[in-house]
N, C-alpha and C. Protein backbone atom coordinates (compact mmCIF):
# COMPACT_ATOMS: atom_id res chain seq x y z
N MET A 1 -74.64 22.99 -20.68
CA MET A 1 -74.93 23.95 -19.61
C MET A 1 -74.47 25.32 -20.07
N THR A 2 -75.28 26.32 -19.93
CA THR A 2 -74.92 27.66 -20.37
C THR A 2 -73.95 28.27 -19.35
N THR A 3 -73.29 29.33 -19.84
CA THR A 3 -72.34 30.04 -18.99
C THR A 3 -72.99 30.59 -17.74
N ARG A 4 -74.17 31.09 -17.92
CA ARG A 4 -74.86 31.71 -16.75
C ARG A 4 -75.15 30.69 -15.67
N ARG A 5 -75.29 29.43 -16.08
CA ARG A 5 -75.64 28.36 -15.08
C ARG A 5 -74.41 27.86 -14.36
N TRP A 6 -73.25 27.73 -15.07
CA TRP A 6 -72.12 27.09 -14.39
C TRP A 6 -71.20 28.09 -13.74
N LEU A 7 -71.24 29.35 -14.13
CA LEU A 7 -70.33 30.36 -13.48
C LEU A 7 -70.60 30.53 -11.98
N PRO A 8 -71.84 30.66 -11.55
CA PRO A 8 -72.09 30.74 -10.07
C PRO A 8 -71.56 29.53 -9.33
N VAL A 9 -71.73 28.36 -9.96
CA VAL A 9 -71.23 27.12 -9.33
C VAL A 9 -69.71 27.19 -9.17
N MET A 10 -69.04 27.68 -10.24
CA MET A 10 -67.58 27.80 -10.24
C MET A 10 -67.15 28.81 -9.20
N VAL A 11 -67.85 29.95 -9.12
CA VAL A 11 -67.48 30.95 -8.10
C VAL A 11 -67.61 30.35 -6.69
N ARG A 12 -68.68 29.66 -6.41
CA ARG A 12 -68.84 29.01 -5.10
C ARG A 12 -67.75 27.99 -4.81
N ALA A 13 -67.38 27.22 -5.84
CA ALA A 13 -66.30 26.25 -5.65
C ALA A 13 -64.98 26.93 -5.38
N ARG A 14 -64.71 28.00 -6.04
CA ARG A 14 -63.46 28.72 -5.82
C ARG A 14 -63.45 29.37 -4.42
N GLU A 15 -64.61 29.91 -4.01
CA GLU A 15 -64.71 30.46 -2.67
C GLU A 15 -64.50 29.39 -1.63
N ALA A 16 -65.03 28.21 -1.85
CA ALA A 16 -64.79 27.09 -0.89
C ALA A 16 -63.30 26.70 -0.84
N ALA A 17 -62.69 26.69 -2.02
CA ALA A 17 -61.26 26.38 -2.05
C ALA A 17 -60.45 27.42 -1.32
N GLU A 18 -60.82 28.71 -1.46
CA GLU A 18 -60.12 29.78 -0.80
C GLU A 18 -60.32 29.68 0.70
N ASP A 19 -61.57 29.37 1.14
CA ASP A 19 -61.84 29.20 2.57
C ASP A 19 -61.00 28.04 3.14
N ALA A 20 -60.93 26.93 2.41
CA ALA A 20 -60.17 25.79 2.87
C ALA A 20 -58.67 26.17 2.96
N ALA A 21 -58.13 26.93 2.00
CA ALA A 21 -56.75 27.36 2.06
C ALA A 21 -56.52 28.29 3.25
N ALA A 22 -57.51 29.11 3.53
CA ALA A 22 -57.35 30.06 4.70
C ALA A 22 -57.33 29.24 6.00
N GLN A 23 -58.16 28.22 6.05
CA GLN A 23 -58.15 27.36 7.29
C GLN A 23 -56.85 26.63 7.43
N ARG A 24 -56.30 26.12 6.29
CA ARG A 24 -54.99 25.49 6.37
C ARG A 24 -53.92 26.43 6.80
N LEU A 25 -53.99 27.62 6.33
CA LEU A 25 -52.99 28.68 6.73
C LEU A 25 -53.12 28.97 8.21
N ALA A 26 -54.32 29.07 8.73
CA ALA A 26 -54.49 29.33 10.16
C ALA A 26 -53.94 28.19 10.97
N GLN A 27 -54.20 26.94 10.55
CA GLN A 27 -53.63 25.79 11.25
C GLN A 27 -52.12 25.81 11.20
N ALA A 28 -51.55 26.11 10.06
CA ALA A 28 -50.08 26.19 9.92
C ALA A 28 -49.49 27.23 10.85
N ARG A 29 -50.18 28.36 10.97
CA ARG A 29 -49.72 29.44 11.84
C ARG A 29 -49.81 29.01 13.29
N ARG A 30 -50.90 28.31 13.64
CA ARG A 30 -50.97 27.81 15.06
C ARG A 30 -49.86 26.83 15.35
N GLU A 31 -49.58 25.92 14.38
CA GLU A 31 -48.51 24.98 14.60
C GLU A 31 -47.17 25.64 14.69
N ALA A 32 -46.95 26.69 13.92
CA ALA A 32 -45.69 27.47 13.97
C ALA A 32 -45.55 28.17 15.31
N ALA A 33 -46.65 28.73 15.81
CA ALA A 33 -46.61 29.39 17.11
C ALA A 33 -46.29 28.34 18.18
N SER A 34 -46.91 27.18 18.09
CA SER A 34 -46.63 26.11 19.07
C SER A 34 -45.16 25.69 19.00
N ALA A 35 -44.64 25.57 17.81
CA ALA A 35 -43.22 25.17 17.64
C ALA A 35 -42.28 26.23 18.24
N ILE A 36 -42.62 27.48 18.03
CA ILE A 36 -41.79 28.56 18.58
C ILE A 36 -41.85 28.57 20.11
N THR A 37 -43.03 28.31 20.67
CA THR A 37 -43.16 28.22 22.13
C THR A 37 -42.28 27.04 22.63
N ALA A 38 -42.38 25.91 21.95
CA ALA A 38 -41.58 24.74 22.38
C ALA A 38 -40.09 25.06 22.22
N GLU A 39 -39.73 25.78 21.21
CA GLU A 39 -38.30 26.14 21.05
C GLU A 39 -37.80 27.01 22.16
N ARG A 40 -38.61 27.99 22.53
CA ARG A 40 -38.25 28.85 23.67
C ARG A 40 -38.10 28.09 24.98
N ALA A 41 -39.00 27.13 25.17
CA ALA A 41 -38.96 26.30 26.40
C ALA A 41 -37.70 25.44 26.41
N GLU A 42 -37.39 24.84 25.25
CA GLU A 42 -36.19 24.00 25.19
C GLU A 42 -34.93 24.83 25.31
N SER A 43 -34.94 26.01 24.77
CA SER A 43 -33.79 26.88 24.87
C SER A 43 -33.53 27.29 26.31
N SER A 44 -34.56 27.63 27.06
CA SER A 44 -34.43 28.00 28.45
C SER A 44 -34.02 26.80 29.27
N ARG A 45 -34.52 25.64 28.88
CA ARG A 45 -34.15 24.37 29.59
C ARG A 45 -32.66 24.12 29.39
N LEU A 46 -32.18 24.29 28.13
CA LEU A 46 -30.77 24.03 27.86
C LEU A 46 -29.87 25.07 28.53
N ASP A 47 -30.33 26.32 28.54
CA ASP A 47 -29.57 27.37 29.23
C ASP A 47 -29.48 27.15 30.75
N GLY A 48 -30.53 26.52 31.27
CA GLY A 48 -30.60 26.28 32.69
C GLY A 48 -29.72 25.16 33.15
N MET A 49 -29.18 24.38 32.22
CA MET A 49 -28.34 23.26 32.58
C MET A 49 -26.90 23.79 32.64
N THR A 50 -26.52 24.25 33.80
CA THR A 50 -25.15 24.76 33.94
C THR A 50 -24.21 23.63 34.17
N ALA A 51 -22.96 23.90 34.09
CA ALA A 51 -21.92 22.89 34.24
C ALA A 51 -21.99 22.37 35.72
N LEU A 52 -22.04 21.13 35.85
CA LEU A 52 -22.12 20.50 37.13
C LEU A 52 -20.69 20.26 37.70
N GLU A 53 -20.51 20.70 38.90
CA GLU A 53 -19.23 20.48 39.54
C GLU A 53 -19.33 19.24 40.35
N SER A 54 -19.03 18.14 39.74
CA SER A 54 -19.19 16.92 40.43
C SER A 54 -17.81 16.31 40.66
N SER A 55 -17.68 15.64 41.75
CA SER A 55 -16.39 15.03 42.09
C SER A 55 -16.27 13.65 41.51
N SER A 56 -17.36 13.10 41.01
CA SER A 56 -17.28 11.77 40.45
C SER A 56 -17.36 11.83 38.93
N VAL A 57 -16.69 10.91 38.32
CA VAL A 57 -16.69 10.85 36.85
C VAL A 57 -18.08 10.44 36.34
N GLN A 58 -18.74 9.56 37.10
CA GLN A 58 -20.04 9.05 36.68
C GLN A 58 -21.08 10.19 36.72
N GLY A 59 -20.99 11.03 37.69
CA GLY A 59 -21.95 12.15 37.82
C GLY A 59 -21.74 13.12 36.66
N PHE A 60 -20.47 13.40 36.38
CA PHE A 60 -20.14 14.31 35.30
C PHE A 60 -20.64 13.73 33.95
N LEU A 61 -20.38 12.46 33.68
CA LEU A 61 -20.82 11.83 32.44
C LEU A 61 -22.33 11.82 32.31
N ALA A 62 -23.02 11.59 33.45
CA ALA A 62 -24.50 11.59 33.40
C ALA A 62 -24.99 12.97 33.09
N HIS A 63 -24.43 13.98 33.67
CA HIS A 63 -24.82 15.36 33.42
C HIS A 63 -24.57 15.73 31.94
N GLU A 64 -23.41 15.34 31.44
CA GLU A 64 -23.08 15.66 30.05
C GLU A 64 -24.06 14.91 29.07
N ALA A 65 -24.38 13.70 29.46
CA ALA A 65 -25.35 12.94 28.62
C ALA A 65 -26.70 13.63 28.63
N ALA A 66 -27.11 14.17 29.74
CA ALA A 66 -28.37 14.89 29.82
C ALA A 66 -28.33 16.17 29.02
N ARG A 67 -27.19 16.89 29.06
CA ARG A 67 -27.03 18.08 28.28
C ARG A 67 -27.06 17.79 26.77
N THR A 68 -26.39 16.67 26.41
CA THR A 68 -26.41 16.25 25.00
C THR A 68 -27.81 15.94 24.53
N ALA A 69 -28.55 15.21 25.38
CA ALA A 69 -29.93 14.89 25.03
C ALA A 69 -30.76 16.20 24.90
N ALA A 70 -30.54 17.15 25.81
CA ALA A 70 -31.30 18.41 25.77
C ALA A 70 -30.91 19.18 24.53
N ALA A 71 -29.63 19.16 24.15
CA ALA A 71 -29.21 19.82 22.93
C ALA A 71 -29.84 19.20 21.67
N ALA A 72 -29.92 17.87 21.70
CA ALA A 72 -30.55 17.16 20.57
C ALA A 72 -32.06 17.51 20.49
N THR A 73 -32.68 17.61 21.59
CA THR A 73 -34.13 17.95 21.65
C THR A 73 -34.29 19.38 21.12
N TYR A 74 -33.37 20.27 21.55
CA TYR A 74 -33.42 21.66 21.10
C TYR A 74 -33.23 21.69 19.62
N SER A 75 -32.29 20.90 19.09
CA SER A 75 -32.00 20.93 17.65
C SER A 75 -33.28 20.42 16.87
N ALA A 76 -33.89 19.38 17.38
CA ALA A 76 -35.13 18.87 16.76
C ALA A 76 -36.22 19.92 16.79
N THR A 77 -36.28 20.67 17.90
CA THR A 77 -37.29 21.72 18.02
C THR A 77 -37.03 22.83 17.04
N LEU A 78 -35.75 23.15 16.84
CA LEU A 78 -35.43 24.17 15.84
C LEU A 78 -35.82 23.69 14.41
N GLN A 79 -35.58 22.43 14.13
CA GLN A 79 -36.00 21.92 12.83
C GLN A 79 -37.54 21.99 12.69
N ARG A 80 -38.26 21.69 13.76
CA ARG A 80 -39.69 21.78 13.73
C ARG A 80 -40.16 23.18 13.43
N VAL A 81 -39.48 24.15 14.07
CA VAL A 81 -39.78 25.59 13.80
C VAL A 81 -39.56 25.91 12.34
N GLY A 82 -38.41 25.44 11.79
CA GLY A 82 -38.12 25.73 10.37
C GLY A 82 -39.16 25.14 9.46
N PHE A 83 -39.53 23.87 9.71
CA PHE A 83 -40.55 23.19 8.90
C PHE A 83 -41.89 23.92 8.99
N ALA A 84 -42.24 24.35 10.20
CA ALA A 84 -43.52 25.00 10.41
C ALA A 84 -43.54 26.34 9.69
N GLN A 85 -42.44 27.11 9.71
CA GLN A 85 -42.40 28.39 9.05
C GLN A 85 -42.40 28.19 7.52
N GLU A 86 -41.77 27.14 7.05
CA GLU A 86 -41.82 26.79 5.65
C GLU A 86 -43.25 26.45 5.21
N ARG A 87 -43.92 25.71 6.04
CA ARG A 87 -45.34 25.34 5.74
C ARG A 87 -46.22 26.58 5.74
N VAL A 88 -45.96 27.51 6.63
CA VAL A 88 -46.75 28.74 6.64
C VAL A 88 -46.54 29.50 5.30
N GLY A 89 -45.26 29.53 4.84
CA GLY A 89 -45.03 30.19 3.55
C GLY A 89 -45.74 29.51 2.41
N GLN A 90 -45.74 28.19 2.44
CA GLN A 90 -46.43 27.44 1.37
C GLN A 90 -47.93 27.70 1.41
N GLN A 91 -48.46 27.73 2.64
CA GLN A 91 -49.93 27.98 2.76
C GLN A 91 -50.32 29.39 2.32
N VAL A 92 -49.43 30.37 2.59
CA VAL A 92 -49.68 31.73 2.15
C VAL A 92 -49.72 31.75 0.62
N THR A 93 -48.78 31.06 0.01
CA THR A 93 -48.77 30.99 -1.47
C THR A 93 -50.00 30.28 -2.02
N GLU A 94 -50.42 29.22 -1.35
CA GLU A 94 -51.62 28.51 -1.79
C GLU A 94 -52.86 29.38 -1.62
N LEU A 95 -52.92 30.13 -0.52
CA LEU A 95 -54.06 31.02 -0.31
C LEU A 95 -54.12 32.12 -1.34
N SER A 96 -52.95 32.70 -1.64
CA SER A 96 -52.96 33.75 -2.67
C SER A 96 -53.36 33.20 -4.03
N ALA A 97 -52.94 32.02 -4.35
CA ALA A 97 -53.33 31.39 -5.64
C ALA A 97 -54.84 31.12 -5.67
N ALA A 98 -55.36 30.62 -4.55
CA ALA A 98 -56.83 30.37 -4.44
C ALA A 98 -57.61 31.68 -4.59
N ALA A 99 -57.13 32.71 -3.95
CA ALA A 99 -57.82 34.07 -4.04
C ALA A 99 -57.76 34.56 -5.47
N ARG A 100 -56.58 34.39 -6.13
CA ARG A 100 -56.47 34.85 -7.50
C ARG A 100 -57.38 34.05 -8.40
N ALA A 101 -57.52 32.75 -8.19
CA ALA A 101 -58.41 31.92 -9.02
C ALA A 101 -59.89 32.32 -8.81
N ARG A 102 -60.26 32.57 -7.56
CA ARG A 102 -61.63 33.00 -7.27
C ARG A 102 -61.90 34.34 -7.92
N ARG A 103 -61.00 35.31 -7.86
CA ARG A 103 -61.20 36.60 -8.42
C ARG A 103 -61.28 36.52 -9.95
N THR A 104 -60.49 35.65 -10.54
CA THR A 104 -60.55 35.44 -11.98
C THR A 104 -61.94 35.00 -12.44
N VAL A 105 -62.49 34.04 -11.70
CA VAL A 105 -63.82 33.55 -12.06
C VAL A 105 -64.87 34.60 -11.77
N GLU A 106 -64.68 35.38 -10.70
CA GLU A 106 -65.65 36.50 -10.43
C GLU A 106 -65.62 37.49 -11.56
N LYS A 107 -64.39 37.85 -12.02
CA LYS A 107 -64.32 38.83 -13.12
C LYS A 107 -64.99 38.27 -14.40
N LEU A 108 -64.81 36.99 -14.64
CA LEU A 108 -65.44 36.34 -15.78
C LEU A 108 -66.95 36.40 -15.64
N SER A 109 -67.44 36.13 -14.43
CA SER A 109 -68.86 36.19 -14.17
C SER A 109 -69.41 37.62 -14.35
N GLU A 110 -68.68 38.58 -13.87
CA GLU A 110 -69.06 39.98 -14.05
C GLU A 110 -69.10 40.36 -15.52
N ARG A 111 -68.12 39.89 -16.31
CA ARG A 111 -68.07 40.20 -17.71
C ARG A 111 -69.25 39.55 -18.45
N VAL A 112 -69.55 38.32 -18.11
CA VAL A 112 -70.68 37.64 -18.74
C VAL A 112 -71.99 38.37 -18.39
N ALA A 113 -72.14 38.79 -17.16
CA ALA A 113 -73.33 39.53 -16.75
C ALA A 113 -73.45 40.84 -17.52
N ALA A 114 -72.29 41.55 -17.70
CA ALA A 114 -72.35 42.81 -18.41
C ALA A 114 -72.69 42.55 -19.88
N GLU A 115 -72.13 41.48 -20.47
CA GLU A 115 -72.46 41.19 -21.83
C GLU A 115 -73.92 40.85 -22.01
N ALA A 116 -74.48 40.09 -21.05
CA ALA A 116 -75.88 39.70 -21.10
C ALA A 116 -76.76 40.96 -20.96
N LYS A 117 -76.38 41.91 -20.09
CA LYS A 117 -77.11 43.14 -19.93
C LYS A 117 -77.09 43.97 -21.22
N ALA A 118 -75.90 44.06 -21.81
CA ALA A 118 -75.75 44.83 -23.05
C ALA A 118 -76.54 44.18 -24.17
N GLU A 119 -76.54 42.86 -24.22
CA GLU A 119 -77.32 42.15 -25.25
C GLU A 119 -78.81 42.39 -25.03
N GLY A 120 -79.27 42.39 -23.77
CA GLY A 120 -80.69 42.63 -23.54
C GLY A 120 -81.05 44.02 -23.90
N LEU A 121 -80.16 45.00 -23.55
CA LEU A 121 -80.48 46.39 -23.95
C LEU A 121 -80.49 46.57 -25.46
N ALA A 122 -79.58 45.90 -26.17
CA ALA A 122 -79.53 46.00 -27.60
C ALA A 122 -80.80 45.35 -28.21
N ARG A 123 -81.22 44.25 -27.67
CA ARG A 123 -82.46 43.58 -28.15
C ARG A 123 -83.68 44.48 -27.95
N ALA A 124 -83.74 45.08 -26.75
CA ALA A 124 -84.85 46.00 -26.45
C ALA A 124 -84.82 47.17 -27.41
N GLN A 125 -83.64 47.68 -27.73
CA GLN A 125 -83.57 48.84 -28.62
C GLN A 125 -84.00 48.41 -30.06
N ARG A 126 -83.56 47.19 -30.52
CA ARG A 126 -83.97 46.73 -31.82
C ARG A 126 -85.49 46.53 -31.87
N GLU A 127 -86.08 46.01 -30.82
CA GLU A 127 -87.51 45.87 -30.77
C GLU A 127 -88.23 47.23 -30.84
N ALA A 128 -87.68 48.20 -30.12
CA ALA A 128 -88.26 49.53 -30.18
C ALA A 128 -88.11 50.12 -31.55
N ASP A 129 -86.98 49.91 -32.17
CA ASP A 129 -86.73 50.43 -33.56
C ASP A 129 -87.66 49.72 -34.56
N ASP A 130 -87.81 48.41 -34.40
CA ASP A 130 -88.71 47.65 -35.27
C ASP A 130 -90.15 48.10 -35.12
N THR A 131 -90.54 48.38 -33.87
CA THR A 131 -91.91 48.82 -33.65
C THR A 131 -92.17 50.18 -34.29
N GLY A 132 -91.17 51.08 -34.10
CA GLY A 132 -91.30 52.40 -34.72
C GLY A 132 -91.31 52.33 -36.24
N ALA A 133 -90.44 51.49 -36.75
CA ALA A 133 -90.33 51.33 -38.24
C ALA A 133 -91.61 50.72 -38.82
N SER A 134 -92.17 49.72 -38.13
CA SER A 134 -93.38 49.11 -38.63
C SER A 134 -94.58 50.08 -38.54
N ARG A 135 -94.66 50.88 -37.50
CA ARG A 135 -95.74 51.87 -37.42
C ARG A 135 -95.60 52.90 -38.52
N PHE A 136 -94.36 53.34 -38.79
CA PHE A 136 -94.12 54.33 -39.84
C PHE A 136 -94.49 53.75 -41.16
N THR A 137 -94.08 52.48 -41.40
CA THR A 137 -94.39 51.87 -42.67
C THR A 137 -95.89 51.69 -42.82
N ALA A 138 -96.61 51.25 -41.76
CA ALA A 138 -98.03 51.06 -41.79
C ALA A 138 -98.73 52.40 -42.07
N ARG A 139 -98.29 53.47 -41.44
CA ARG A 139 -98.87 54.78 -41.63
C ARG A 139 -98.68 55.26 -43.08
N ASN A 140 -97.49 55.04 -43.57
CA ASN A 140 -97.22 55.44 -44.97
C ASN A 140 -98.00 54.61 -45.95
N ASN A 141 -98.19 53.34 -45.64
CA ASN A 141 -98.98 52.46 -46.51
C ASN A 141 -100.44 52.93 -46.51
N GLU A 142 -100.95 53.34 -45.35
CA GLU A 142 -102.29 53.84 -45.27
C GLU A 142 -102.48 55.13 -46.09
N LYS A 143 -101.48 56.01 -45.98
CA LYS A 143 -101.56 57.28 -46.71
C LYS A 143 -101.48 57.00 -48.22
N LEU A 144 -100.57 56.10 -48.60
CA LEU A 144 -100.44 55.72 -49.99
C LEU A 144 -101.73 55.07 -50.53
N ALA A 145 -102.34 54.24 -49.74
CA ALA A 145 -103.59 53.58 -50.14
C ALA A 145 -104.70 54.62 -50.26
N ALA A 146 -104.74 55.57 -49.30
CA ALA A 146 -105.77 56.61 -49.38
C ALA A 146 -105.59 57.52 -50.57
N SER A 147 -104.32 57.88 -50.85
CA SER A 147 -104.05 58.74 -52.01
C SER A 147 -104.35 57.97 -53.32
N THR A 148 -104.09 56.68 -53.34
CA THR A 148 -104.39 55.85 -54.52
C THR A 148 -105.89 55.78 -54.73
N ARG A 149 -106.67 55.65 -53.68
CA ARG A 149 -108.12 55.64 -53.76
C ARG A 149 -108.67 56.96 -54.25
N LEU A 150 -108.06 58.05 -53.78
CA LEU A 150 -108.53 59.36 -54.18
C LEU A 150 -108.22 59.56 -55.67
N GLU A 151 -107.10 59.11 -56.09
CA GLU A 151 -106.73 59.22 -57.50
C GLU A 151 -107.61 58.36 -58.38
N ALA A 152 -107.97 57.21 -57.81
CA ALA A 152 -108.76 56.27 -58.60
C ALA A 152 -110.21 56.74 -58.71
N SER A 153 -110.68 57.55 -57.78
CA SER A 153 -112.09 57.95 -57.85
C SER A 153 -112.29 59.18 -58.66
């Protein structure tokens, strides 16, 4: 397969890879936004749990168990936010690598097209030069033949 035939296929494949990376980045950003929203909700829930003034030990222990569970949920939500932000960073890196790969193939395609154009122009120039040279040679041969005939007669 010639370069002219496979380069457009490669460019389309790289564009598709870049589009897929952009979609994954958008999904990662949506998930990060969702995690941040959940973190804010859990934070306000934990802040809303004030110390209970209970006269019974069982009520106090139940309230503290609920606060501990809310704190654990908040901690898990913070981890989710961290993981989501890390994933966004990874997806940004992947997208930039995909864009760089696409652009590299596009530059190669542009260079091959420029070389093909230059080759075509050089071929056309050689043909024009050959045509001019053959006409000059033919004209000189006719003059030489005519002068030889005149000398022979």
